[in-house]
């Protein structure tokens, strides 16, 4: 067909109109999405599961306004302000800026983020979920709070070094469902691996702070606490827990076996207690399928060992009233010591800390009591603490290496220095 000046003009007109319609309606659609109650509510739920408020809120500060000091082996970082304030928050960020931060660890202007921001896990989030979180954050009250995030010493304050870190420790890519597993298993894997970034606390780290993939979710030390093994290992993990016990723990912070305290109590209060039952059960299904643990469990110490005899006497005088002579505890009030995986872990951080400093359990809407254990650090010396912990770790079917008084002394000095 011969194209006359009129037909060419008509085509240009139609193209121009089409382009404008795309631009206009594209904008309208984007605006409509950002105002969608369903999208905002979905983003709020996702931000809750990701527990964003925990890291991005300083003590006494406004939610999401940043400024919380994050202690790392390399120095202190401060969480940034992620409210929609355009000057000090993320109000001026584009969608693509936000996606790059969560998927690639690259902030606005190409600034590389430190992995204290768990982008190695968030890279598995779907683009739709990332945008839903951004949509929710955009509805928050803008808070003007300038945060000097990077206060690391040289050379760790050089962000260019993160190129090398990422090359060694970061694998970019969205979550890929396993077609051999159920939809519920895959949902649990997505929540644990991506949204919940559970490996950030529960996986041990290499010398550069990257996850040791071979030790995935097999426990790590965090801020003086043991983030325990949450695989299906029957001795050191949660292999003997039922799915319903895992769900109850995540939703309330307590079950017949354990009471959450320390950083996990905060996580449960802010995050998992508010998750849907279906997501909590999906997590349980996934974790129960994570096999780990090799070799034969250790044998308990001889009850006639001098450390066991001394520890038994200390236990009777100080612990038996709450935890019972059989180490059974009081369900949902005082944790069971018999068969307790934290008690039998190689890492004694949590049990030593709790005896020396005391602890308070999580208080949630479903379990508001928040039971507490008093400090015994003033009453028991290092030898006493080592003996009673050795006794607890090797009684009622428990089995674990004895605790050295020198290790207790080291922990006591560290705890005192931190107070």
Foldseek 3Di string as FASTA:
>chain_A
DDDDPVNVVVVVVVVVVVVVCCVVVVVVVVVCLLVDPVLLVLLVQLCLLLVQQVQQADVVGDTQQWQHWDDDPQGTFTGARQALDPPGHCVVPDLVQQLCCQQPQAHPPRQHHDCVVVSLQQLQPDSSNSVSNNSNSPPDDDDDDHDPGQPGDPPVSPRVCVVVVCVPAHDHDHDDADPVDDPLLRLLCSSPRHSNVVQLAQFAADPVSHGPVVRRSCWDDDPLAISHRDALPQQQHCVVPDLVQQLCCLQFQFFQADHDWDPVLVSSARHSVPHDSSNSSSNSVNRNPGDDDDDDAAAFDDCPPPLLVLLLVLCVVAPCVACNPLQSGDGLAGHRLQSHNQLADQDVRHVLCCQAAKTWGHAHPVRRPGHIDHHCNVPDALSNSQSNSSNSCRHNPHHHDGGDSVVSVVSVVVVVVVD
